[in-house]
């Protein structure tokens, strides 16, 4: 087999896998949209008068938790437009949120930015490296795809925490991936 034959085989293989890689972007977009829609249901019932409440002394205050949840979709855009984040040079600053409308608005803005970046991404973009650090300490060293998946997982994780907060406050919990004890709809 000649070098030309090997190159043709490699090009053919690359062309066959390209739709599969673009399929990953489509699936990420679908999953992200679903998680954002579920998250809106939870944010809509957050009691503003309980922003300073936490279920335990080691737990975040409710306001910090919900603001963090609204920030998370911005990490999709961050993953695709940067090489990483250094908390030493760019420390986290909690966004000012006053009400449920602010929460939903911030979530939607961050989601729309991330969605736009993901819609314009390529498989090559997803393979890029993204590093989260605290100065010289590397906290995570992911591909951009892994960063996006981790972001979606974080949205789910923190929304589940919020569900516990709401349950402890006797607020009916919306269904997520099926009915809840309070919401029989599937």
C-alpha atoms as a PDB file:
ATOM      1  CA  UNK A   1       0.000   0.000   0.000  1.00  0.00           C
ATOM      2  CA  UNK A   2       1.407   3.365  -1.025  1.00  0.00           C
ATOM      3  CA  UNK A   3       1.556   6.549   1.073  1.00  0.00           C
ATOM      4  CA  UNK A   4      -1.117   8.034  -1.204  1.00  0.00           C
ATOM      5  CA  UNK A   5      -3.400   5.070  -0.444  1.00  0.00           C
ATOM      6  CA  UNK A   6      -2.823   5.510   3.295  1.00  0.00           C
ATOM      7  CA  UNK A   7      -3.605   9.234   3.072  1.00  0.00           C
ATOM      8  CA  UNK A   8      -6.802   8.506   1.147  1.00  0.00           C
ATOM      9  CA  UNK A   9      -7.815   5.958   3.784  1.00  0.00           C
ATOM     10  CA  UNK A  10      -7.141   8.482   6.541  1.00  0.00           C
ATOM     11  CA  UNK A  11      -9.189  11.171   4.766  1.00  0.00           C
ATOM     12  CA  UNK A  12     -12.029   8.710   4.215  1.00  0.00           C
ATOM     13  CA  UNK A  13     -11.993   7.764   7.924  1.00  0.00           C
ATOM     14  CA  UNK A  14     -11.972  11.436   8.942  1.00  0.00           C
ATOM     15  CA  UNK A  15     -14.957  12.161   6.711  1.00  0.00           C
ATOM     16  CA  UNK A  16     -16.882   9.193   8.140  1.00  0.00           C
ATOM     17  CA  UNK A  17     -16.297  10.330  11.746  1.00  0.00           C
ATOM     18  CA  UNK A  18     -17.020  14.024  11.138  1.00  0.00           C
ATOM     19  CA  UNK A  19     -20.826  13.640  11.234  1.00  0.00           C
ATOM     20  CA  UNK A  20     -20.470  11.626  14.446  1.00  0.00           C
ATOM     21  CA  UNK A  21     -18.482  14.429  16.076  1.00  0.00           C
ATOM     22  CA  UNK A  22     -20.994  17.051  14.946  1.00  0.00           C
ATOM     23  CA  UNK A  23     -23.661  14.754  16.365  1.00  0.00           C
ATOM     24  CA  UNK A  24     -21.994  15.198  19.773  1.00  0.00           C
ATOM     25  CA  UNK A  25     -22.516  18.956  19.510  1.00  0.00           C
ATOM     26  CA  UNK A  26     -26.170  18.444  18.594  1.00  0.00           C
ATOM     27  CA  UNK A  27     -26.625  16.092  21.556  1.00  0.00           C
ATOM     28  CA  UNK A  28     -24.899  18.511  23.930  1.00  0.00           C
ATOM     29  CA  UNK A  29     -27.203  21.305  22.742  1.00  0.00           C
ATOM     30  CA  UNK A  30     -30.267  19.128  23.311  1.00  0.00           C
ATOM     31  CA  UNK A  31     -29.117  18.066  26.779  1.00  0.00           C
ATOM     32  CA  UNK A  32     -28.199  21.613  27.783  1.00  0.00           C
ATOM     33  CA  UNK A  33     -31.592  22.935  26.669  1.00  0.00           C
ATOM     34  CA  UNK A  34     -33.389  20.231  28.636  1.00  0.00           C
ATOM     35  CA  UNK A  35     -31.396  20.924  31.807  1.00  0.00           C
ATOM     36  CA  UNK A  36     -31.956  24.674  31.529  1.00  0.00           C
ATOM     37  CA  UNK A  37     -35.714  24.183  31.139  1.00  0.00           C
ATOM     38  CA  UNK A  38     -35.782  21.957  34.235  1.00  0.00           C
ATOM     39  CA  UNK A  39     -33.660  24.449  36.148  1.00  0.00           C
ATOM     40  CA  UNK A  40     -36.073  27.286  35.348  1.00  0.00           C
ATOM     41  CA  UNK A  41     -38.861  25.321  37.067  1.00  0.00           C
ATOM     42  CA  UNK A  42     -36.784  25.137  40.242  1.00  0.00           C
ATOM     43  CA  UNK A  43     -35.614  28.747  40.155  1.00  0.00           C
ATOM     44  CA  UNK A  44     -39.190  29.965  39.672  1.00  0.00           C
ATOM     45  CA  UNK A  45     -40.165  28.701  43.135  1.00  0.00           C
ATOM     46  CA  UNK A  46     -37.145  29.916  45.118  1.00  0.00           C
ATOM     47  CA  UNK A  47     -38.403  31.944  48.088  1.00  0.00           C
ATOM     48  CA  UNK A  48     -36.503  35.244  48.023  1.00  0.00           C
ATOM     49  CA  UNK A  49     -37.211  35.744  51.720  1.00  0.00           C
ATOM     50  CA  UNK A  50     -35.068  32.623  52.348  1.00  0.00           C
ATOM     51  CA  UNK A  51     -32.003  33.813  50.382  1.00  0.00           C
ATOM     52  CA  UNK A  52     -29.984  33.889  53.628  1.00  0.00           C
ATOM     53  CA  UNK A  53     -31.110  30.401  54.697  1.00  0.00           C
ATOM     54  CA  UNK A  54     -28.971  27.257  54.597  1.00  0.00           C
ATOM     55  CA  UNK A  55     -29.901  23.771  55.813  1.00  0.00           C
ATOM     56  CA  UNK A  56     -26.581  23.309  57.631  1.00  0.00           C
ATOM     57  CA  UNK A  57     -23.685  25.461  58.795  1.00  0.00           C
ATOM     58  CA  UNK A  58     -21.443  23.874  56.136  1.00  0.00           C
ATOM     59  CA  UNK A  59     -23.976  24.507  53.365  1.00  0.00           C
ATOM     60  CA  UNK A  60     -24.079  27.510  51.050  1.00  0.00           C
ATOM     61  CA  UNK A  61     -26.746  30.093  51.669  1.00  0.00           C
ATOM     62  CA  UNK A  62     -29.633  29.633  49.256  1.00  0.00           C
ATOM     63  CA  UNK A  63     -28.815  32.851  47.390  1.00  0.00           C
ATOM     64  CA  UNK A  64     -25.234  31.770  46.727  1.00  0.00           C
ATOM     65  CA  UNK A  65     -26.444  28.373  45.541  1.00  0.00           C
ATOM     66  CA  UNK A  66     -29.020  29.750  43.102  1.00  0.00           C
ATOM     67  CA  UNK A  67     -26.672  32.434  41.780  1.00  0.00           C
ATOM     68  CA  UNK A  68     -24.067  29.728  41.161  1.00  0.00           C
ATOM     69  CA  UNK A  69     -26.661  27.661  39.291  1.00  0.00           C
ATOM     70  CA  UNK A  70     -27.468  30.646  37.049  1.00  0.00           C
ATOM     71  CA  UNK A  71     -23.751  31.221  36.375  1.00  0.00           C
ATOM     72  CA  UNK A  72     -22.983  27.650  35.337  1.00  0.00           C
ATOM     73  CA  UNK A  73     -24.265  27.833  31.733  1.00  0.00           C
ATOM     74  CA  UNK A  74     -21.715  30.611  31.119  1.00  0.00           C
ATOM     75  CA  UNK A  75     -19.007  27.978  31.491  1.00  0.00           C
ATOM     76  CA  UNK A  76     -20.020  26.496  28.127  1.00  0.00           C
ATOM     77  CA  UNK A  77     -19.060  29.770  26.471  1.00  0.00           C
ATOM     78  CA  UNK A  78     -15.995  30.089  28.714  1.00  0.00           C
ATOM     79  CA  UNK A  79     -14.832  26.611  27.699  1.00  0.00           C
ATOM     80  CA  UNK A  80     -15.162  27.360  23.996  1.00  0.00           C
ATOM     81  CA  UNK A  81     -13.685  30.879  24.005  1.00  0.00           C
ATOM     82  CA  UNK A  82     -10.771  30.542  26.441  1.00  0.00           C
ATOM     83  CA  UNK A  83      -7.927  28.183  27.279  1.00  0.00           C
ATOM     84  CA  UNK A  84      -8.905  28.127  30.943  1.00  0.00           C
ATOM     85  CA  UNK A  85      -9.532  30.115  34.093  1.00  0.00           C
ATOM     86  CA  UNK A  86      -7.256  31.073  36.950  1.00  0.00           C
ATOM     87  CA  UNK A  87      -9.153  31.916  40.136  1.00  0.00           C
ATOM     88  CA  UNK A  88      -6.049  33.666  41.468  1.00  0.00           C
ATOM     89  CA  UNK A  89      -6.146  36.297  38.726  1.00  0.00           C
ATOM     90  CA  UNK A  90      -9.926  36.199  38.154  1.00  0.00           C
ATOM     91  CA  UNK A  91     -11.574  35.483  41.507  1.00  0.00           C
ATOM     92  CA  UNK A  92     -15.237  34.530  41.574  1.00  0.00           C
ATOM     93  CA  UNK A  93     -17.573  37.431  42.287  1.00  0.00           C
ATOM     94  CA  UNK A  94     -21.205  36.628  42.998  1.00  0.00           C
ATOM     95  CA  UNK A  95     -23.560  38.498  40.697  1.00  0.00           C
ATOM     96  CA  UNK A  96     -26.108  40.775  42.360  1.00  0.00           C
ATOM     97  CA  UNK A  97     -29.504  39.089  42.290  1.00  0.00           C
ATOM     98  CA  UNK A  98     -32.553  40.595  43.949  1.00  0.00           C
ATOM     99  CA  UNK A  99     -35.462  38.401  42.877  1.00  0.00           C
ATOM    100  CA  UNK A 100     -36.600  35.307  40.989  1.00  0.00           C
ATOM    101  CA  UNK A 101     -36.873  37.327  37.766  1.00  0.00           C
ATOM    102  CA  UNK A 102     -33.168  38.192  38.047  1.00  0.00           C
ATOM    103  CA  UNK A 103     -32.339  34.518  38.533  1.00  0.00           C
ATOM    104  CA  UNK A 104     -34.237  33.348  35.463  1.00  0.00           C
ATOM    105  CA  UNK A 105     -32.941  36.256  33.355  1.00  0.00           C
ATOM    106  CA  UNK A 106     -29.317  35.524  34.293  1.00  0.00           C
ATOM    107  CA  UNK A 107     -29.778  31.812  33.624  1.00  0.00           C
ATOM    108  CA  UNK A 108     -31.283  32.515  30.192  1.00  0.00           C
ATOM    109  CA  UNK A 109     -28.575  35.043  29.252  1.00  0.00           C
ATOM    110  CA  UNK A 110     -25.786  32.646  30.216  1.00  0.00           C
ATOM    111  CA  UNK A 111     -27.523  29.755  28.475  1.00  0.00           C
ATOM    112  CA  UNK A 112     -28.011  31.760  25.266  1.00  0.00           C
ATOM    113  CA  UNK A 113     -24.319  32.735  25.169  1.00  0.00           C
ATOM    114  CA  UNK A 114     -23.224  29.155  25.740  1.00  0.00           C
ATOM    115  CA  UNK A 115     -25.729  27.822  23.220  1.00  0.00           C
ATOM    116  CA  UNK A 116     -24.522  30.246  20.542  1.00  0.00           C
ATOM    117  CA  UNK A 117     -20.883  29.291  21.113  1.00  0.00           C
ATOM    118  CA  UNK A 118     -21.753  25.587  21.026  1.00  0.00           C
ATOM    119  CA  UNK A 119     -23.807  25.964  17.834  1.00  0.00           C
ATOM    120  CA  UNK A 120     -20.751  27.555  16.192  1.00  0.00           C
ATOM    121  CA  UNK A 121     -18.269  25.006  17.563  1.00  0.00           C
ATOM    122  CA  UNK A 122     -16.534  22.286  15.615  1.00  0.00           C
ATOM    123  CA  UNK A 123     -15.230  18.899  16.623  1.00  0.00           C
ATOM    124  CA  UNK A 124     -11.748  20.432  16.671  1.00  0.00           C
ATOM    125  CA  UNK A 125     -12.952  23.038  19.167  1.00  0.00           C
ATOM    126  CA  UNK A 126     -14.257  20.293  21.463  1.00  0.00           C
ATOM    127  CA  UNK A 127     -10.849  18.616  21.472  1.00  0.00           C
ATOM    128  CA  UNK A 128      -9.040  21.745  22.666  1.00  0.00           C
ATOM    129  CA  UNK A 129      -7.531  21.834  26.149  1.00  0.00           C
ATOM    130  CA  UNK A 130      -9.089  23.799  29.029  1.00  0.00           C
ATOM    131  CA  UNK A 131      -7.426  24.218  32.440  1.00  0.00           C
ATOM    132  CA  UNK A 132      -8.923  25.482  35.692  1.00  0.00           C
ATOM    133  CA  UNK A 133      -6.339  26.595  38.194  1.00  0.00           C
ATOM    134  CA  UNK A 134      -5.661  28.511  41.353  1.00  0.00           C
ATOM    135  CA  UNK A 135      -2.352  30.118  40.506  1.00  0.00           C
ATOM    136  CA  UNK A 136       0.142  27.312  40.004  1.00  0.00           C
ATOM    137  CA  UNK A 137      -2.220  24.654  41.359  1.00  0.00           C
ATOM    138  CA  UNK A 138      -4.087  22.914  38.531  1.00  0.00           C
ATOM    139  CA  UNK A 139      -7.598  22.056  39.682  1.00  0.00           C
ATOM    140  CA  UNK A 140      -8.744  20.383  36.446  1.00  0.00           C
ATOM    141  CA  UNK A 141      -7.154  19.766  33.072  1.00  0.00           C
ATOM    142  CA  UNK A 142      -9.917  18.835  30.627  1.00  0.00           C
ATOM    143  CA  UNK A 143     -10.705  18.883  26.984  1.00  0.00           C
ATOM    144  CA  UNK A 144     -13.264  21.544  26.089  1.00  0.00           C
ATOM    145  CA  UNK A 145     -15.802  18.745  25.579  1.00  0.00           C
ATOM    146  CA  UNK A 146     -15.106  17.435  29.088  1.00  0.00           C
ATOM    147  CA  UNK A 147     -15.487  20.951  30.475  1.00  0.00           C
ATOM    148  CA  UNK A 148     -18.906  21.297  28.833  1.00  0.00           C
ATOM    149  CA  UNK A 149     -20.020  17.876  30.118  1.00  0.00           C
ATOM    150  CA  UNK A 150     -18.744  18.745  33.597  1.00  0.00           C
ATOM    151  CA  UNK A 151     -20.700  22.013  33.422  1.00  0.00           C
ATOM    152  CA  UNK A 152     -23.925  20.179  32.593  1.00  0.00           C
ATOM    153  CA  UNK A 153     -23.248  17.773  35.461  1.00  0.00           C
ATOM    154  CA  UNK A 154     -22.701  20.714  37.806  1.00  0.00           C
ATOM    155  CA  UNK A 155     -26.046  22.236  36.796  1.00  0.00           C
ATOM    156  CA  UNK A 156     -27.747  18.929  37.612  1.00  0.00           C
ATOM    157  CA  UNK A 157     -25.827  18.485  40.876  1.00  0.00           C
ATOM    158  CA  UNK A 158     -26.552  21.962  42.218  1.00  0.00           C
ATOM    159  CA  UNK A 159     -30.177  21.866  41.073  1.00  0.00           C
ATOM    160  CA  UNK A 160     -30.535  18.663  43.132  1.00  0.00           C
ATOM    161  CA  UNK A 161     -29.049  20.505  46.106  1.00  0.00           C
ATOM    162  CA  UNK A 162     -31.617  23.237  45.569  1.00  0.00           C
ATOM    163  CA  UNK A 163     -34.330  20.569  45.543  1.00  0.00           C
ATOM    164  CA  UNK A 164     -33.209  19.476  49.008  1.00  0.00           C
ATOM    165  CA  UNK A 165     -33.270  23.074  50.244  1.00  0.00           C
ATOM    166  CA  UNK A 166     -36.796  23.500  48.884  1.00  0.00           C
ATOM    167  CA  UNK A 167     -37.978  20.171  50.343  1.00  0.00           C
ATOM    168  CA  UNK A 168     -36.679  21.145  53.787  1.00  0.00           C
ATOM    169  CA  UNK A 169     -38.642  24.396  53.480  1.00  0.00           C
ATOM    170  CA  UNK A 170     -41.794  22.386  52.616  1.00  0.00           C
ATOM    171  CA  UNK A 171     -41.967  23.809  49.099  1.00  0.00           C
ATOM    172  CA  UNK A 172     -43.409  21.352  46.543  1.00  0.00           C
ATOM    173  CA  UNK A 173     -40.720  20.012  44.217  1.00  0.00           C
ATOM    174  CA  UNK A 174     -41.256  19.979  40.433  1.00  0.00           C
ATOM    175  CA  UNK A 175     -40.649  16.752  38.574  1.00  0.00           C
ATOM    176  CA  UNK A 176     -37.317  16.522  36.808  1.00  0.00           C
ATOM    177  CA  UNK A 177     -36.824  13.310  34.868  1.00  0.00           C
ATOM    178  CA  UNK A 178     -40.253  12.083  35.772  1.00  0.00           C
ATOM    179  CA  UNK A 179     -42.785  12.746  38.507  1.00  0.00           C
ATOM    180  CA  UNK A 180     -41.834  13.963  41.968  1.00  0.00           C
ATOM    181  CA  UNK A 181     -43.742  13.310  45.187  1.00  0.00           C
ATOM    182  CA  UNK A 182     -45.388  16.714  44.596  1.00  0.00           C
ATOM    183  CA  UNK A 183     -45.711  16.761  40.808  1.00  0.00           C
ATOM    184  CA  UNK A 184     -47.332  13.670  39.248  1.00  0.00           C
ATOM    185  CA  UNK A 185     -46.684  14.836  35.682  1.00  0.00           C
ATOM    186  CA  UNK A 186     -44.115  12.929  33.671  1.00  0.00           C
END
